[in-house]
C-alpha atoms as a PDB file:
ATOM      1  CA  MET A   1      18.778 -15.451  35.583  1.00  0.00           C
ATOM      2  CA  THR A   2      15.241 -14.394  36.497  1.00  0.00           C
ATOM      3  CA  VAL A   3      13.175 -12.104  34.290  1.00  0.00           C
ATOM      4  CA  LEU A   4      13.213  -9.334  36.898  1.00  0.00           C
ATOM      5  CA  GLN A   5      17.001  -9.536  37.231  1.00  0.00           C
ATOM      6  CA  LEU A   6      17.446  -9.353  33.461  1.00  0.00           C
ATOM      7  CA  LEU A   7      15.103  -6.362  33.278  1.00  0.00           C
ATOM      8  CA  LEU A   8      17.009  -4.688  36.094  1.00  0.00           C
ATOM      9  CA  ASP A   9      20.403  -5.331  34.484  1.00  0.00           C
ATOM     10  CA  ARG A  10      19.276  -4.066  31.088  1.00  0.00           C
ATOM     11  CA  ARG A  11      17.651  -0.999  32.607  1.00  0.00           C
ATOM     12  CA  ARG A  12      20.780  -0.239  34.631  1.00  0.00           C
ATOM     13  CA  GLU A  13      22.984  -0.576  31.551  1.00  0.00           C
ATOM     14  CA  GLY A  14      20.659   1.362  29.248  1.00  0.00           C
ATOM     15  CA  SER A  15      20.741  -1.684  26.980  1.00  0.00           C
ATOM     16  CA  THR A  16      18.875  -1.614  23.648  1.00  0.00           C
ATOM     17  CA  PRO A  17      18.392  -4.190  20.838  1.00  0.00           C
ATOM     18  CA  GLY A  18      21.611  -4.637  18.902  1.00  0.00           C
ATOM     19  CA  GLN A  19      23.672  -3.309  21.812  1.00  0.00           C
ATOM     20  CA  ARG A  20      23.279  -5.986  24.465  1.00  0.00           C
ATOM     21  CA  THR A  21      25.959  -7.291  26.804  1.00  0.00           C
ATOM     22  CA  ASP A  22      24.038 -10.527  27.394  1.00  0.00           C
ATOM     23  CA  ASP A  23      22.919 -13.312  25.072  1.00  0.00           C
ATOM     24  CA  ALA A  24      19.326 -13.502  26.349  1.00  0.00           C
ATOM     25  CA  ARG A  25      16.231 -13.011  24.190  1.00  0.00           C
ATOM     26  CA  LEU A  26      13.635 -11.271  26.343  1.00  0.00           C
ATOM     27  CA  VAL A  27      10.175 -11.097  24.787  1.00  0.00           C
ATOM     28  CA  LEU A  28       6.861  -9.536  25.701  1.00  0.00           C
ATOM     29  CA  VAL A  29       3.924 -11.879  25.024  1.00  0.00           C
ATOM     30  CA  ILE A  30       0.437 -10.302  25.068  1.00  0.00           C
ATOM     31  CA  GLU A  31      -2.698 -12.431  25.343  1.00  0.00           C
ATOM     32  CA  GLY A  32      -5.774 -11.756  23.220  1.00  0.00           C
ATOM     33  CA  GLY A  33      -9.400 -11.716  24.276  1.00  0.00           C
ATOM     34  CA  SER A  34     -11.164  -8.904  22.384  1.00  0.00           C
ATOM     35  CA  SER A  35     -12.544  -6.478  25.008  1.00  0.00           C
ATOM     36  CA  ARG A  36     -10.544  -8.257  27.717  1.00  0.00           C
ATOM     37  CA  GLY A  37      -7.599  -6.539  26.027  1.00  0.00           C
ATOM     38  CA  ALA A  38      -8.453  -3.542  28.224  1.00  0.00           C
ATOM     39  CA  TYR A  39      -6.490  -5.331  30.942  1.00  0.00           C
ATOM     40  CA  SER A  40      -3.343  -5.806  28.853  1.00  0.00           C
ATOM     41  CA  SER A  41      -3.673  -2.251  27.539  1.00  0.00           C
ATOM     42  CA  GLY A  42      -3.227  -1.043  31.102  1.00  0.00           C
ATOM     43  CA  MET A  43      -0.254  -3.367  31.557  1.00  0.00           C
ATOM     44  CA  THR A  44       1.475  -1.905  28.490  1.00  0.00           C
ATOM     45  CA  VAL A  45       0.841   1.570  29.924  1.00  0.00           C
ATOM     46  CA  ALA A  46       2.772   0.539  33.027  1.00  0.00           C
ATOM     47  CA  ILE A  47       5.691  -0.748  30.936  1.00  0.00           C
ATOM     48  CA  GLU A  48       5.713   2.529  29.006  1.00  0.00           C
ATOM     49  CA  ARG A  49       5.600   4.631  32.182  1.00  0.00           C
ATOM     50  CA  LEU A  50       8.484   2.684  33.686  1.00  0.00           C
ATOM     51  CA  GLY A  51      10.610   3.071  30.543  1.00  0.00           C
ATOM     52  CA  LEU A  52      11.120  -0.690  30.230  1.00  0.00           C
ATOM     53  CA  LEU A  53      10.297  -1.182  26.542  1.00  0.00           C
ATOM     54  CA  PRO A  54      13.961  -0.900  25.358  1.00  0.00           C
ATOM     55  CA  ALA A  55      14.803  -3.913  27.538  1.00  0.00           C
ATOM     56  CA  PHE A  56      12.742  -6.188  25.282  1.00  0.00           C
ATOM     57  CA  ASP A  57      13.930  -7.795  22.061  1.00  0.00           C
ATOM     58  CA  ALA A  58      10.504  -8.599  20.608  1.00  0.00           C
ATOM     59  CA  VAL A  59       6.779  -8.123  21.178  1.00  0.00           C
ATOM     60  CA  TYR A  60       4.361 -10.962  20.338  1.00  0.00           C
ATOM     61  CA  GLY A  61       0.641 -10.226  20.301  1.00  0.00           C
ATOM     62  CA  SER A  62      -2.533 -12.183  19.653  1.00  0.00           C
ATOM     63  CA  SER A  63      -5.731 -10.383  18.646  1.00  0.00           C
ATOM     64  CA  ALA A  64      -6.280  -7.409  20.988  1.00  0.00           C
ATOM     65  CA  GLY A  65      -2.798  -8.156  22.319  1.00  0.00           C
ATOM     66  CA  ALA A  66      -1.370  -7.312  18.897  1.00  0.00           C
ATOM     67  CA  LEU A  67      -3.131  -3.941  18.950  1.00  0.00           C
ATOM     68  CA  ASN A  68      -1.847  -3.167  22.437  1.00  0.00           C
ATOM     69  CA  GLY A  69       1.655  -4.242  21.447  1.00  0.00           C
ATOM     70  CA  ALA A  70       1.557  -1.894  18.464  1.00  0.00           C
ATOM     71  CA  TRP A  71       0.567   1.075  20.622  1.00  0.00           C
ATOM     72  CA  LEU A  72       3.393   0.271  23.032  1.00  0.00           C
ATOM     73  CA  LEU A  73       5.953  -0.001  20.234  1.00  0.00           C
ATOM     74  CA  CYS A  74       5.081   3.434  18.875  1.00  0.00           C
ATOM     75  CA  GLY A  75       5.228   5.003  22.332  1.00  0.00           C
ATOM     76  CA  ARG A  76       1.523   5.866  22.582  1.00  0.00           C
ATOM     77  CA  ALA A  77       0.115   3.279  24.970  1.00  0.00           C
ATOM     78  CA  GLU A  78      -0.806   5.763  27.677  1.00  0.00           C
ATOM     79  CA  SER A  79      -1.903   8.632  25.438  1.00  0.00           C
ATOM     80  CA  THR A  80      -4.417   6.385  23.658  1.00  0.00           C
ATOM     81  CA  MET A  81      -5.685   4.179  26.485  1.00  0.00           C
ATOM     82  CA  HIS A  82      -8.827   6.313  26.766  1.00  0.00           C
ATOM     83  CA  ALA A  83     -10.098   4.720  23.540  1.00  0.00           C
ATOM     84  CA  TRP A  84     -11.174   1.713  25.617  1.00  0.00           C
ATOM     85  CA  TRP A  85     -13.800   3.762  27.446  1.00  0.00           C
ATOM     86  CA  THR A  86     -14.652   6.382  24.790  1.00  0.00           C
ATOM     87  CA  PRO A  87     -18.257   5.609  23.735  1.00  0.00           C
ATOM     88  CA  SER A  88     -17.928   7.047  20.231  1.00  0.00           C
ATOM     89  CA  ILE A  89     -15.098   4.614  19.491  1.00  0.00           C
ATOM     90  CA  MET A  90     -16.241   1.470  21.315  1.00  0.00           C
ATOM     91  CA  ARG A  91     -19.901   1.681  20.302  1.00  0.00           C
ATOM     92  CA  THR A  92     -18.965   2.135  16.670  1.00  0.00           C
ATOM     93  CA  THR A  93     -16.337  -0.614  16.758  1.00  0.00           C
ATOM     94  CA  ILE A  94     -18.689  -3.036  18.554  1.00  0.00           C
ATOM     95  CA  ASP A  95     -22.368  -2.792  17.653  1.00  0.00           C
ATOM     96  CA  PRO A  96     -24.569  -5.917  18.039  1.00  0.00           C
ATOM     97  CA  ARG A  97     -27.373  -4.244  16.070  1.00  0.00           C
ATOM     98  CA  ARG A  98     -25.346  -4.590  12.881  1.00  0.00           C
ATOM     99  CA  ALA A  99     -25.998  -8.338  12.975  1.00  0.00           C
ATOM    100  CA  LEU A 100     -29.623  -7.581  12.031  1.00  0.00           C
ATOM    101  CA  ARG A 101     -28.313  -6.001   8.810  1.00  0.00           C
ATOM    102  CA  ARG A 102     -25.895  -8.880   8.168  1.00  0.00           C
ATOM    103  CA  GLN A 103     -22.943  -6.595   8.866  1.00  0.00           C
ATOM    104  CA  PRO A 104     -19.939  -7.261  11.169  1.00  0.00           C
ATOM    105  CA  VAL A 105     -20.704  -6.806  14.851  1.00  0.00           C
ATOM    106  CA  VAL A 106     -17.025  -5.983  15.434  1.00  0.00           C
ATOM    107  CA  ASP A 107     -15.798  -3.501  12.820  1.00  0.00           C
ATOM    108  CA  THR A 108     -12.026  -3.880  12.824  1.00  0.00           C
ATOM    109  CA  HIS A 109     -11.782  -2.086   9.475  1.00  0.00           C
ATOM    110  CA  PHE A 110     -13.201   1.051  11.107  1.00  0.00           C
ATOM    111  CA  LEU A 111     -10.843   0.596  14.051  1.00  0.00           C
ATOM    112  CA  VAL A 112      -7.635   0.123  12.071  1.00  0.00           C
ATOM    113  CA  HIS A 113      -8.328   2.320   9.042  1.00  0.00           C
ATOM    114  CA  THR A 114     -10.322   5.166  10.594  1.00  0.00           C
ATOM    115  CA  VAL A 115      -9.639   5.345  14.328  1.00  0.00           C
ATOM    116  CA  TYR A 116      -5.955   4.488  13.952  1.00  0.00           C
ATOM    117  CA  THR A 117      -5.393   6.869  11.031  1.00  0.00           C
ATOM    118  CA  GLU A 118      -7.774   9.813  11.519  1.00  0.00           C
ATOM    119  CA  ILE A 119      -9.190   9.920  15.045  1.00  0.00           C
ATOM    120  CA  MET A 120      -6.275   8.613  17.091  1.00  0.00           C
ATOM    121  CA  PRO A 121      -3.331   8.160  14.713  1.00  0.00           C
ATOM    122  CA  MET A 122      -1.078   5.194  15.381  1.00  0.00           C
ATOM    123  CA  GLY A 123       2.654   5.672  14.825  1.00  0.00           C
ATOM    124  CA  PHE A 124       2.919   3.148  12.000  1.00  0.00           C
ATOM    125  CA  GLN A 125       6.332   4.399  10.886  1.00  0.00           C
ATOM    126  CA  GLU A 126       7.684   4.204  14.432  1.00  0.00           C
ATOM    127  CA  ILE A 127       6.564   0.572  14.620  1.00  0.00           C
ATOM    128  CA  LEU A 128       8.103  -0.241  11.232  1.00  0.00           C
ATOM    129  CA  GLY A 129      11.368   1.409  12.231  1.00  0.00           C
ATOM    130  CA  SER A 130      11.556   0.024  15.761  1.00  0.00           C
ATOM    131  CA  PRO A 131      14.606  -2.118  16.603  1.00  0.00           C
ATOM    132  CA  ILE A 132      12.242  -4.192  18.747  1.00  0.00           C
ATOM    133  CA  GLU A 133      10.650  -6.876  16.583  1.00  0.00           C
ATOM    134  CA  PHE A 134       6.877  -6.932  16.220  1.00  0.00           C
ATOM    135  CA  HIS A 135       5.196 -10.330  15.817  1.00  0.00           C
ATOM    136  CA  PRO A 136       1.393 -10.183  15.423  1.00  0.00           C
ATOM    137  CA  ILE A 137      -0.133 -13.666  15.300  1.00  0.00           C
ATOM    138  CA  ALA A 138      -3.132 -14.830  13.224  1.00  0.00           C
ATOM    139  CA  THR A 139      -4.779 -18.179  12.447  1.00  0.00           C
ATOM    140  CA  ASP A 140      -4.471 -19.700   8.975  1.00  0.00           C
ATOM    141  CA  CYS A 141      -7.949 -20.553   7.671  1.00  0.00           C
ATOM    142  CA  LEU A 142      -6.825 -23.699   5.855  1.00  0.00           C
ATOM    143  CA  THR A 143      -4.428 -25.225   8.374  1.00  0.00           C
ATOM    144  CA  GLY A 144      -5.848 -23.924  11.642  1.00  0.00           C
ATOM    145  CA  LYS A 145      -2.291 -23.149  12.772  1.00  0.00           C
ATOM    146  CA  GLY A 146      -1.053 -19.970  14.368  1.00  0.00           C
ATOM    147  CA  VAL A 147       1.035 -17.909  11.936  1.00  0.00           C
ATOM    148  CA  ASP A 148       3.554 -15.200  12.779  1.00  0.00           C
ATOM    149  CA  LEU A 149       2.861 -12.290  10.391  1.00  0.00           C
ATOM    150  CA  HIS A 150       6.155 -10.532  11.119  1.00  0.00           C
ATOM    151  CA  ASP A 151       7.624 -11.291   7.690  1.00  0.00           C
ATOM    152  CA  THR A 152       4.523 -10.038   5.855  1.00  0.00           C
ATOM    153  CA  ILE A 153       4.914  -6.528   7.270  1.00  0.00           C
ATOM    154  CA  ARG A 154       6.662  -4.203   4.817  1.00  0.00           C
ATOM    155  CA  ASP A 155       4.850  -0.870   5.047  1.00  0.00           C
ATOM    156  CA  GLN A 156       1.864   0.819   6.676  1.00  0.00           C
ATOM    157  CA  ALA A 157      -0.707  -1.008   4.559  1.00  0.00           C
ATOM    158  CA  SER A 158       0.714  -4.458   5.304  1.00  0.00           C
ATOM    159  CA  LEU A 159       1.020  -3.579   8.999  1.00  0.00           C
ATOM    160  CA  GLN A 160      -2.643  -2.573   9.064  1.00  0.00           C
ATOM    161  CA  ALA A 161      -3.560  -5.818   7.295  1.00  0.00           C
ATOM    162  CA  ALA A 162      -1.640  -7.819   9.911  1.00  0.00           C
ATOM    163  CA  LEU A 163      -3.452  -6.036  12.743  1.00  0.00           C
ATOM    164  CA  ARG A 164      -6.827  -6.742  11.120  1.00  0.00           C
ATOM    165  CA  ALA A 165      -5.937 -10.391  10.496  1.00  0.00           C
ATOM    166  CA  SER A 166      -4.889 -10.918  14.110  1.00  0.00           C
ATOM    167  CA  THR A 167      -8.224  -9.502  15.320  1.00  0.00           C
ATOM    168  CA  ALA A 168     -10.555 -11.040  12.686  1.00  0.00           C
ATOM    169  CA  MET A 169     -13.015 -12.711  15.054  1.00  0.00           C
ATOM    170  CA  PRO A 170     -14.912 -15.399  13.120  1.00  0.00           C
ATOM    171  CA  PHE A 171     -18.430 -14.407  12.117  1.00  0.00           C
ATOM    172  CA  LEU A 172     -18.447 -11.344  14.411  1.00  0.00           C
ATOM    173  CA  ALA A 173     -15.824  -9.407  12.425  1.00  0.00           C
ATOM    174  CA  GLY A 174     -16.939 -10.409   8.945  1.00  0.00           C
ATOM    175  CA  ASP A 175     -14.886 -12.231   6.330  1.00  0.00           C
ATOM    176  CA  PRO A 176     -11.331 -13.498   6.913  1.00  0.00           C
ATOM    177  CA  VAL A 177      -8.473 -11.155   6.034  1.00  0.00           C
ATOM    178  CA  SER A 178      -6.329 -12.031   3.020  1.00  0.00           C
ATOM    179  CA  ILE A 179      -2.566 -11.454   3.102  1.00  0.00           C
ATOM    180  CA  ASP A 180      -0.260 -12.564   0.286  1.00  0.00           C
ATOM    181  CA  GLY A 181      -2.838 -15.053  -0.996  1.00  0.00           C
ATOM    182  CA  ARG A 182      -3.600 -16.653   2.378  1.00  0.00           C
ATOM    183  CA  SER A 183      -6.717 -16.100   4.490  1.00  0.00           C
ATOM    184  CA  TYR A 184      -6.541 -15.503   8.225  1.00  0.00           C
ATOM    185  CA  VAL A 185      -8.842 -15.192  11.216  1.00  0.00           C
ATOM    186  CA  ASP A 186      -8.336 -14.181  14.831  1.00  0.00           C
ATOM    187  CA  ALA A 187      -5.205 -15.445  16.580  1.00  0.00           C
ATOM    188  CA  GLY A 188      -7.245 -16.603  19.562  1.00  0.00           C
ATOM    189  CA  LEU A 189      -8.457 -19.672  17.685  1.00  0.00           C
ATOM    190  CA  SER A 190      -4.947 -21.119  17.516  1.00  0.00           C
ATOM    191  CA  GLU A 191      -2.717 -19.248  19.956  1.00  0.00           C
ATOM    192  CA  ALA A 192      -4.483 -17.012  22.473  1.00  0.00           C
ATOM    193  CA  VAL A 193      -1.199 -16.508  24.313  1.00  0.00           C
ATOM    194  CA  PRO A 194       1.561 -16.535  21.661  1.00  0.00           C
ATOM    195  CA  VAL A 195       4.040 -18.423  23.815  1.00  0.00           C
ATOM    196  CA  ARG A 196       4.541 -21.351  21.407  1.00  0.00           C
ATOM    197  CA  THR A 197       5.698 -19.023  18.647  1.00  0.00           C
ATOM    198  CA  ALA A 198       7.940 -17.060  20.999  1.00  0.00           C
ATOM    199  CA  LEU A 199       9.633 -20.212  22.306  1.00  0.00           C
ATOM    200  CA  ALA A 200      10.049 -21.605  18.790  1.00  0.00           C
ATOM    201  CA  GLN A 201      11.907 -18.403  17.964  1.00  0.00           C
ATOM    202  CA  GLN A 202      14.365 -18.903  20.814  1.00  0.00           C
ATOM    203  CA  ALA A 203      12.886 -16.744  23.559  1.00  0.00           C
ATOM    204  CA  THR A 204      14.907 -17.270  26.741  1.00  0.00           C
ATOM    205  CA  HIS A 205      12.952 -14.922  29.032  1.00  0.00           C
ATOM    206  CA  ILE A 206       9.241 -14.095  28.831  1.00  0.00           C
ATOM    207  CA  VAL A 207       7.007 -11.419  30.292  1.00  0.00           C
ATOM    208  CA  ALA A 208       3.411 -12.493  29.621  1.00  0.00           C
ATOM    209  CA  LEU A 209       0.598  -9.961  29.878  1.00  0.00           C
ATOM    210  CA  ARG A 210      -2.544 -11.965  30.575  1.00  0.00           C
ATOM    211  CA  THR A 211      -6.154 -10.913  30.085  1.00  0.00           C
ATOM    212  CA  ARG A 212      -7.750 -13.853  31.886  1.00  0.00           C
ATOM    213  CA  ARG A 213      -8.031 -13.215  35.585  1.00  0.00           C
ATOM    214  CA  THR A 214      -6.193 -15.342  38.125  1.00  0.00           C
ATOM    215  CA  GLY A 215      -7.984 -18.684  38.313  1.00  0.00           C
ATOM    216  CA  GLU A 216     -10.122 -18.032  35.227  1.00  0.00           C
ATOM    217  CA  ALA A 217     -10.062 -21.016  32.880  1.00  0.00           C
ATOM    218  CA  SER A 218     -11.041 -21.448  29.257  1.00  0.00           C
ATOM    219  CA  SER A 219     -14.097 -23.543  28.472  1.00  0.00           C
ATOM    220  CA  ALA A 220     -15.277 -25.627  25.541  1.00  0.00           C
ATOM    221  CA  PRO A 221     -17.535 -23.906  23.000  1.00  0.00           C
ATOM    222  CA  SER A 222     -21.107 -23.679  24.236  1.00  0.00           C
ATOM    223  CA  LEU A 223     -24.039 -25.131  22.335  1.00  0.00           C
ATOM    224  CA  GLY A 224     -24.926 -21.621  21.156  1.00  0.00           C
ATOM    225  CA  GLU A 225     -21.387 -21.026  19.901  1.00  0.00           C
ATOM    226  CA  ARG A 226     -21.419 -24.344  18.069  1.00  0.00           C
ATOM    227  CA  MET A 227     -24.685 -23.515  16.369  1.00  0.00           C
ATOM    228  CA  LEU A 228     -23.531 -20.018  15.419  1.00  0.00           C
ATOM    229  CA  LEU A 229     -19.968 -20.635  14.344  1.00  0.00           C
ATOM    230  CA  SER A 230     -19.675 -24.193  13.055  1.00  0.00           C
ATOM    231  CA  ARG A 231     -21.302 -23.446   9.702  1.00  0.00           C
ATOM    232  CA  TRP A 232     -19.359 -20.185   9.294  1.00  0.00           C
ATOM    233  CA  LEU A 233     -16.032 -21.872  10.019  1.00  0.00           C
ATOM    234  CA  ALA A 234     -16.802 -24.787   7.711  1.00  0.00           C
ATOM    235  CA  ARG A 235     -17.375 -22.316   4.889  1.00  0.00           C
ATOM    236  CA  TYR A 236     -14.677 -19.705   5.485  1.00  0.00           C
ATOM    237  CA  ALA A 237     -12.042 -21.353   7.694  1.00  0.00           C
ATOM    238  CA  PRO A 238     -12.346 -25.148   7.482  1.00  0.00           C
ATOM    239  CA  GLY A 239      -8.932 -25.786   9.027  1.00  0.00           C
ATOM    240  CA  VAL A 240      -9.977 -23.925  12.170  1.00  0.00           C
ATOM    241  CA  VAL A 241     -12.932 -26.146  13.110  1.00  0.00           C
ATOM    242  CA  GLN A 242     -10.959 -28.757  15.047  1.00  0.00           C
ATOM    243  CA  PRO A 243      -8.659 -26.314  16.908  1.00  0.00           C
ATOM    244  CA  TRP A 244     -11.728 -24.304  17.866  1.00  0.00           C
ATOM    245  CA  LEU A 245     -13.577 -27.352  19.166  1.00  0.00           C
ATOM    246  CA  GLY A 246     -10.461 -28.421  21.071  1.00  0.00           C
ATOM    247  CA  ARG A 247      -9.613 -25.010  22.461  1.00  0.00           C
ATOM    248  CA  GLU A 248      -9.540 -26.236  26.066  1.00  0.00           C
ATOM    249  CA  ALA A 249      -6.563 -28.461  25.238  1.00  0.00           C
ATOM    250  CA  LEU A 250      -4.794 -25.646  23.373  1.00  0.00           C
ATOM    251  CA  ARG A 251      -5.247 -23.258  26.298  1.00  0.00           C
ATOM    252  CA  ALA A 252      -4.062 -25.921  28.737  1.00  0.00           C
ATOM    253  CA  GLU A 253      -0.919 -26.389  26.646  1.00  0.00           C
ATOM    254  CA  GLU A 254      -0.233 -22.656  26.713  1.00  0.00           C
ATOM    255  CA  GLU A 255      -0.684 -22.579  30.484  1.00  0.00           C
ATOM    256  CA  GLU A 256       1.709 -25.492  30.884  1.00  0.00           C
ATOM    257  CA  LEU A 257       4.352 -23.880  28.665  1.00  0.00           C
ATOM    258  CA  LEU A 258       4.190 -20.656  30.657  1.00  0.00           C
ATOM    259  CA  ALA A 259       4.163 -22.389  34.026  1.00  0.00           C
ATOM    260  CA  SER A 260       7.044 -24.723  33.209  1.00  0.00           C
ATOM    261  CA  HIS A 261       9.373 -22.259  31.510  1.00  0.00           C
ATOM    262  CA  PRO A 262      12.138 -21.380  33.995  1.00  0.00           C
ATOM    263  CA  ALA A 263      12.279 -17.664  33.162  1.00  0.00           C
ATOM    264  CA  THR A 264       8.711 -16.405  32.836  1.00  0.00           C
ATOM    265  CA  LEU A 265       6.917 -13.582  34.596  1.00  0.00           C
ATOM    266  CA  GLN A 266       3.137 -13.640  34.182  1.00  0.00           C
ATOM    267  CA  ILE A 267       1.121 -10.528  34.989  1.00  0.00           C
ATOM    268  CA  ARG A 268      -2.602 -11.192  35.448  1.00  0.00           C
ATOM    269  CA  PRO A 269      -5.682  -9.298  36.579  1.00  0.00           C
ATOM    270  CA  PRO A 270      -6.052 -10.294  40.241  1.00  0.00           C
ATOM    271  CA  LEU A 271      -8.845 -12.263  41.843  1.00  0.00           C
ATOM    272  CA  GLY A 272     -11.994 -10.203  42.137  1.00  0.00           C
ATOM    273  CA  SER A 273     -11.250  -8.056  39.082  1.00  0.00           C
ATOM    274  CA  VAL A 274     -14.207  -6.912  37.019  1.00  0.00           C
ATOM    275  CA  ARG A 275     -15.487  -9.484  34.550  1.00  0.00           C
ATOM    276  CA  ILE A 276     -15.062  -8.370  30.936  1.00  0.00           C
ATOM    277  CA  GLY A 277     -16.877 -10.198  28.146  1.00  0.00           C
ATOM    278  CA  ARG A 278     -15.420 -10.514  24.652  1.00  0.00           C
ATOM    279  CA  THR A 279     -17.691  -7.775  23.284  1.00  0.00           C
ATOM    280  CA  GLU A 280     -17.912  -5.568  26.375  1.00  0.00           C
ATOM    281  CA  ARG A 281     -18.293  -1.905  25.439  1.00  0.00           C
ATOM    282  CA  ARG A 282     -19.553  -0.206  28.618  1.00  0.00           C
ATOM    283  CA  PRO A 283     -17.173   2.614  29.615  1.00  0.00           C
ATOM    284  CA  GLY A 284     -17.221   1.890  33.364  1.00  0.00           C
ATOM    285  CA  PRO A 285     -16.030  -1.724  33.371  1.00  0.00           C
ATOM    286  CA  LEU A 286     -13.527  -1.074  30.582  1.00  0.00           C
ATOM    287  CA  ARG A 287     -11.931   1.882  32.341  1.00  0.00           C
ATOM    288  CA  THR A 288     -11.765  -0.158  35.543  1.00  0.00           C
ATOM    289  CA  ALA A 289     -10.040  -2.971  33.626  1.00  0.00           C
ATOM    290  CA  VAL A 290      -7.425  -0.599  32.189  1.00  0.00           C
ATOM    291  CA  ASP A 291      -6.713   0.838  35.655  1.00  0.00           C
ATOM    292  CA  THR A 292      -6.503  -2.670  37.115  1.00  0.00           C
ATOM    293  CA  GLY A 293      -4.012  -3.676  34.425  1.00  0.00           C
ATOM    294  CA  ILE A 294      -1.838  -0.671  35.204  1.00  0.00           C
ATOM    295  CA  GLU A 295      -1.777  -1.454  38.920  1.00  0.00           C
ATOM    296  CA  ALA A 296      -1.133  -5.166  38.386  1.00  0.00           C
ATOM    297  CA  ALA A 297       1.891  -4.486  36.183  1.00  0.00           C
ATOM    298  CA  LEU A 298       3.284  -1.726  38.403  1.00  0.00           C
ATOM    299  CA  THR A 299       3.079  -4.096  41.362  1.00  0.00           C
ATOM    300  CA  GLU A 300       4.832  -6.979  39.559  1.00  0.00           C
ATOM    301  CA  LEU A 301       7.553  -4.745  38.127  1.00  0.00           C
ATOM    302  CA  ALA A 302       8.132  -2.614  41.214  1.00  0.00           C
ATOM    303  CA  ALA A 303      11.409  -4.365  42.079  1.00  0.00           C
ATOM    304  CA  VAL A 304      12.919  -3.312  38.770  1.00  0.00           C
ATOM    305  CA  VAL A 305      12.350   0.399  39.219  1.00  0.00           C
ATOM    306  CA  GLU A 306      12.933   0.561  42.970  1.00  0.00           C
ATOM    307  CA  GLU A 307      16.571  -0.363  42.418  1.00  0.00           C
ATOM    308  CA  PRO A 308      18.791   2.684  41.728  1.00  0.00           C
ATOM    309  CA  VAL A 309      20.161   2.888  38.185  1.00  0.00           C
END
């Protein structure tokens, strides 16, 4: 059965987790990419608008994909999408000038513990109580492997820690995040698209929200990146050095897994979409990326909602 047919059947039946008439495991997999997450934010808005979230059994997110998955799970993807182009939020979260003061350029602590609690409250309790599983991914500093933090989440504080760990960009976001005695950095260093974890946990059908544009490939670390990050990783995340240096092979493996799986629907920003850097914070390009993500997902999922229920 195709992904679209399964979505259509579950939507028609009003199926929810724990009350399925099929034996499929349909998962939403959300790629990371820091500011490129504006694209997948728009895609989650489309899923929310179409009322398709109950059709999924689990949400897997890497880095910014974990944040977008959390907003979708608490039902606030659309009402909070403006954060991507709100200068007071983006320019405080991402500020290159802080590097001159030896402070994190990307302040995920501010994002998760101030923006998500005081300025634009996230529905932490709704996420914790959701029948749809939430699987934020992070990278273990000692092993360099992707780790599913689902089992570490017990309450609001541990959920916030998992979100920070998944988005802990090396060097740029400060020190690794410690959870239950283990240190973690950004999921993108081990599993930018969390398809390996989803398949290992018996996913049968996958909807993948991609932040790399159609035809956009990953590249090896540049000389500047090597000079900047190698020493930091060797000190704080020694197990991550080799996966980071070999990231082209890891990304190629993810692409192959997605392309070869018989029941996968990938939604990507189309050719010609605005280019978004990892630390982009200009309102114009970010708002355009969110709108592009919405349109891309609505187009791919149109067949599901055009059918009468």
